[in-house]
Amino acid sequence: MNLLRQKPLTPAAIENMYALWQKNNPTPTTELNYHSPFTLLVAVVLSAQATDVSVNKATAKLWPVADTPETIHALGEERLTEYIKTIGLYRAKAKNIITLCTQLLRDYQGQVPDDQKALEALAGVGRKTANVVRNTLFGAHTIAVDTHVFRVARRTGLAMGKTPLEVEKGLLKRTPQKYLKDAHHWLILHGRYTCLARKPKCSTCIVRHLCTFPDKTP
């Protein structure tokens, strides 16, 4: 994307864009299947470089067998691998999740901490994963920048930047406070179903008239 051709949205346009997303989807949330803070954390770790659909298929078999730090740790790395081997990078993820369980049991009585640095210190958890967990579980005003959010923010003119961190900082600065809790989910869903990477569905986009992308599709 040529950022030189892109015009940033005005504050009024940003307000209108979020208002439309809110009207269209008042209570957005993750599409990962989970039923506890721990299962969300594991699901988000598994979702790195994988689709939510593939993660949900794997966890549909895993959760009935093991869904706590104790039970997944008891499975061990090899047995856990059997449940998640359909997901990309499954061996590294299995190793990280077992280590993560050890850390949670040792340091947090098996609970998921509501703290950015504590989360990022867990095996397999980076800034993006920690942001997702804190936003979804604890309502923190964080915006996790994955490939969808990175693309949508830059393409629409919401926030420019050359790196995910630059875009994250831009979004946090330019997003009105009242929309910060749900902004992450609206951006991801918009990128997943409308603002596609190769051929965005501009003709059916509800924010087309606000977006400053110069190469809109018919």
Protein backbone atom coordinates (compact mmCIF):
# COMPACT_ATOMS: atom_id res chain seq x y z
CA MET A 1 0.00 0.00 0.00
CA ASN A 2 1.31 3.41 -1.00
CA LEU A 3 0.86 5.54 2.12
CA LEU A 4 1.75 8.65 0.16
CA ARG A 5 -1.54 8.36 -1.75
CA GLN A 6 -3.60 7.79 1.38
CA LYS A 7 -5.39 10.59 3.20
CA PRO A 8 -6.02 10.21 6.94
CA LEU A 9 -9.62 10.40 8.07
CA THR A 10 -10.87 13.52 9.78
CA PRO A 11 -12.08 13.23 13.39
CA ALA A 12 -15.66 13.61 12.16
CA ALA A 13 -15.24 10.79 9.64
CA ILE A 14 -13.70 8.55 12.31
CA GLU A 15 -16.65 9.21 14.61
CA ASN A 16 -19.10 8.38 11.81
CA MET A 17 -17.20 5.23 10.83
CA TYR A 18 -17.27 3.78 14.33
CA ALA A 19 -20.88 4.84 14.81
CA LEU A 20 -21.85 2.86 11.72
CA TRP A 21 -19.96 -0.22 12.88
CA GLN A 22 -21.60 0.09 16.29
CA LYS A 23 -25.07 0.41 14.76
CA ASN A 24 -24.44 -2.61 12.54
CA ASN A 25 -22.95 -4.74 15.33
CA PRO A 26 -23.61 -3.32 18.84
CA THR A 27 -21.91 -6.12 20.80
CA PRO A 28 -18.99 -7.52 18.78
CA THR A 29 -16.78 -10.23 20.23
CA THR A 30 -14.18 -12.80 19.26
CA GLU A 31 -15.16 -15.67 16.98
CA LEU A 32 -12.94 -18.07 18.93
CA ASN A 33 -14.85 -20.58 21.03
CA TYR A 34 -13.99 -20.40 24.74
CA HIS A 35 -15.72 -20.75 28.10
CA SER A 36 -13.18 -19.45 30.59
CA PRO A 37 -10.30 -16.97 30.75
CA PHE A 38 -7.83 -19.82 30.37
CA THR A 39 -9.51 -21.35 27.32
CA LEU A 40 -9.58 -17.94 25.64
CA LEU A 41 -5.87 -17.47 26.33
CA VAL A 42 -5.03 -20.86 24.83
CA ALA A 43 -7.30 -20.28 21.84
CA VAL A 44 -5.66 -16.94 21.08
CA VAL A 45 -2.20 -18.51 21.34
CA LEU A 46 -3.32 -21.21 18.92
CA SER A 47 -4.77 -18.64 16.51
CA ALA A 48 -1.39 -17.10 15.64
CA GLN A 49 -0.91 -17.58 11.88
CA ALA A 50 -4.06 -19.73 11.82
CA THR A 51 -7.75 -19.15 11.22
CA ASP A 52 -10.32 -19.01 13.98
CA VAL A 53 -12.22 -21.77 12.17
CA SER A 54 -9.25 -24.14 12.33
CA VAL A 55 -8.68 -23.34 16.01
CA ASN A 56 -12.34 -23.91 16.87
CA LYS A 57 -12.27 -27.31 15.16
CA ALA A 58 -9.26 -28.35 17.22
CA THR A 59 -10.50 -27.00 20.54
CA ALA A 60 -13.91 -28.64 20.04
CA LYS A 61 -12.05 -31.92 20.61
CA LEU A 62 -9.56 -30.59 23.17
CA TRP A 63 -11.85 -28.75 25.62
CA PRO A 64 -13.93 -31.82 26.61
CA VAL A 65 -10.69 -33.61 27.51
CA ALA A 66 -8.64 -30.78 29.00
CA ASP A 67 -9.60 -27.15 29.57
CA THR A 68 -7.64 -26.02 32.65
CA PRO A 69 -3.95 -25.40 33.27
CA GLU A 70 -3.86 -28.56 35.40
CA THR A 71 -5.51 -30.87 32.87
CA ILE A 72 -3.64 -29.57 29.83
CA HIS A 73 -0.35 -29.74 31.71
CA ALA A 74 -1.21 -33.33 32.63
CA LEU A 75 -1.73 -34.16 28.95
CA GLY A 76 1.87 -33.31 28.20
CA GLU A 77 3.34 -31.94 25.02
CA GLU A 78 3.00 -35.06 22.86
CA ARG A 79 -0.64 -35.76 23.70
CA LEU A 80 -1.55 -32.08 23.30
CA THR A 81 0.08 -32.14 19.88
CA GLU A 82 -2.39 -34.79 18.74
CA TYR A 83 -5.30 -32.43 19.39
CA ILE A 84 -3.82 -29.39 17.66
CA LYS A 85 -1.81 -30.92 14.81
CA THR A 86 -4.22 -29.52 12.20
CA ILE A 87 -3.15 -25.99 13.18
CA GLY A 88 -0.08 -24.27 11.79
CA LEU A 89 3.08 -24.30 13.94
CA TYR A 90 1.42 -26.88 16.18
CA ARG A 91 4.63 -28.30 17.69
CA ALA A 92 5.91 -24.92 18.83
CA LYS A 93 2.45 -24.02 20.09
CA ALA A 94 2.13 -27.26 22.07
CA LYS A 95 5.48 -26.61 23.74
CA ASN A 96 4.53 -23.03 24.56
CA ILE A 97 1.13 -23.98 25.96
CA ILE A 98 2.60 -26.58 28.31
CA THR A 99 5.14 -24.01 29.52
CA LEU A 100 2.36 -21.43 29.82
CA CYS A 101 0.38 -23.82 32.03
CA THR A 102 3.44 -24.32 34.24
CA GLN A 103 3.83 -20.55 34.59
CA LEU A 104 0.16 -19.97 35.42
CA LEU A 105 0.13 -22.72 38.06
CA ARG A 106 3.43 -21.61 39.59
CA ASP A 107 2.93 -17.86 39.57
CA TYR A 108 -0.82 -17.13 39.40
CA GLN A 109 -2.62 -20.06 41.06
CA GLY A 110 -3.79 -21.12 37.61
CA GLN A 111 -5.53 -17.80 36.93
CA VAL A 112 -5.04 -15.57 33.88
CA PRO A 113 -3.53 -12.27 35.03
CA ASP A 114 -5.06 -8.95 33.99
CA ASP A 115 -1.69 -7.34 33.40
CA GLN A 116 0.00 -6.58 30.09
CA LYS A 117 3.57 -7.33 31.18
CA ALA A 118 2.57 -10.47 33.07
CA LEU A 119 0.71 -11.80 30.05
CA GLU A 120 3.55 -11.00 27.66
CA ALA A 121 5.92 -12.92 29.95
CA LEU A 122 3.94 -16.12 29.36
CA ALA A 123 5.22 -18.58 26.76
CA GLY A 124 3.71 -18.00 23.32
CA VAL A 125 2.08 -14.71 24.34
CA GLY A 126 3.15 -11.53 22.59
CA ARG A 127 1.77 -8.02 22.60
CA LYS A 128 -1.07 -8.83 20.20
CA THR A 129 -2.24 -11.87 22.17
CA ALA A 130 -2.07 -9.99 25.47
CA ASN A 131 -4.11 -7.15 23.97
CA VAL A 132 -6.79 -9.56 22.73
CA VAL A 133 -7.04 -11.30 26.10
CA ARG A 134 -7.19 -8.09 28.15
CA ASN A 135 -9.75 -6.53 25.81
CA THR A 136 -12.03 -9.57 25.54
CA LEU A 137 -11.83 -10.78 29.13
CA PHE A 138 -11.35 -7.61 31.13
CA GLY A 139 -12.76 -4.89 28.87
CA ALA A 140 -9.40 -3.13 28.63
CA HIS A 141 -9.17 -0.37 26.04
CA THR A 142 -6.56 -2.18 23.96
CA ILE A 143 -6.43 -2.69 20.20
CA ALA A 144 -4.62 -5.79 19.02
CA VAL A 145 -3.18 -5.21 15.57
CA ASP A 146 -3.23 -8.38 13.48
CA THR A 147 -3.05 -8.48 9.69
CA HIS A 148 -6.75 -7.55 9.37
CA VAL A 149 -6.55 -4.55 11.71
CA PHE A 150 -3.28 -3.40 10.15
CA ARG A 151 -4.83 -3.48 6.68
CA VAL A 152 -8.16 -1.87 7.60
CA ALA A 153 -6.61 0.94 9.64
CA ARG A 154 -4.21 1.93 6.90
CA ARG A 155 -6.55 1.37 3.96
CA THR A 156 -9.46 3.33 5.38
CA GLY A 157 -7.29 6.16 6.67
CA LEU A 158 -8.11 5.46 10.31
CA ALA A 159 -4.46 5.24 11.33
CA MET A 160 -1.32 5.24 9.25
CA GLY A 161 1.96 3.58 10.16
CA LYS A 162 4.61 1.27 8.81
CA THR A 163 4.53 -1.22 11.69
CA PRO A 164 1.78 -2.84 13.79
CA LEU A 165 2.94 -0.89 16.84
CA GLU A 166 2.76 2.44 14.98
CA VAL A 167 -0.74 1.59 13.78
CA GLU A 168 -1.79 0.49 17.28
CA LYS A 169 -0.61 3.79 18.76
CA GLY A 170 -2.39 5.69 15.98
CA LEU A 171 -5.65 3.84 16.56
CA LEU A 172 -5.52 4.37 20.32
CA LYS A 173 -4.92 8.08 19.78
CA ARG A 174 -7.54 8.63 17.08
CA THR A 175 -10.35 6.32 18.24
CA PRO A 176 -12.95 8.12 20.40
CA GLN A 177 -12.94 6.84 23.98
CA LYS A 178 -16.50 5.53 23.82
CA TYR A 179 -15.56 3.11 21.02
CA LEU A 180 -12.24 1.82 22.37
CA LYS A 181 -13.64 -1.26 24.09
CA ASP A 182 -15.12 -2.68 20.86
CA ALA A 183 -12.88 -1.11 18.21
CA HIS A 184 -10.59 -4.14 18.03
CA HIS A 185 -13.44 -6.49 17.16
CA TRP A 186 -15.08 -4.17 14.61
CA LEU A 187 -11.77 -3.73 12.79
CA ILE A 188 -11.03 -7.46 12.70
CA LEU A 189 -14.51 -8.39 11.50
CA HIS A 190 -14.45 -5.66 8.86
CA GLY A 191 -11.12 -6.95 7.58
CA ARG A 192 -12.21 -10.57 7.71
CA TYR A 193 -15.49 -10.22 5.83
CA THR A 194 -15.51 -6.93 3.89
CA CYS A 195 -12.13 -5.22 3.57
CA LEU A 196 -10.40 -8.30 2.15
CA ALA A 197 -6.70 -8.24 1.32
CA ARG A 198 -6.78 -8.97 -2.41
CA LYS A 199 -10.22 -7.80 -3.43
CA PRO A 200 -12.09 -5.69 -0.87
CA LYS A 201 -15.87 -5.79 -1.10
CA CYS A 202 -16.22 -2.04 -1.48
CA SER A 203 -19.62 -2.26 -3.17
CA THR A 204 -21.22 -3.67 0.00
CA CYS A 205 -19.08 -1.77 2.53
CA ILE A 206 -21.10 0.31 4.99
CA VAL A 207 -18.24 2.79 5.47
CA ARG A 208 -17.30 3.12 1.79
CA HIS A 209 -18.34 6.78 1.64
CA LEU A 210 -15.99 7.61 4.55
CA CYS A 211 -12.99 5.47 3.60
CA THR A 212 -10.16 7.30 1.83
CA PHE A 213 -8.77 4.24 0.00
CA PRO A 214 -8.02 5.51 -3.53
CA ASP A 215 -8.42 2.15 -5.28
CA LYS A 216 -11.91 1.09 -4.27
CA THR A 217 -13.37 -1.85 -6.17
CA PRO A 218 -16.61 -1.37 -8.11
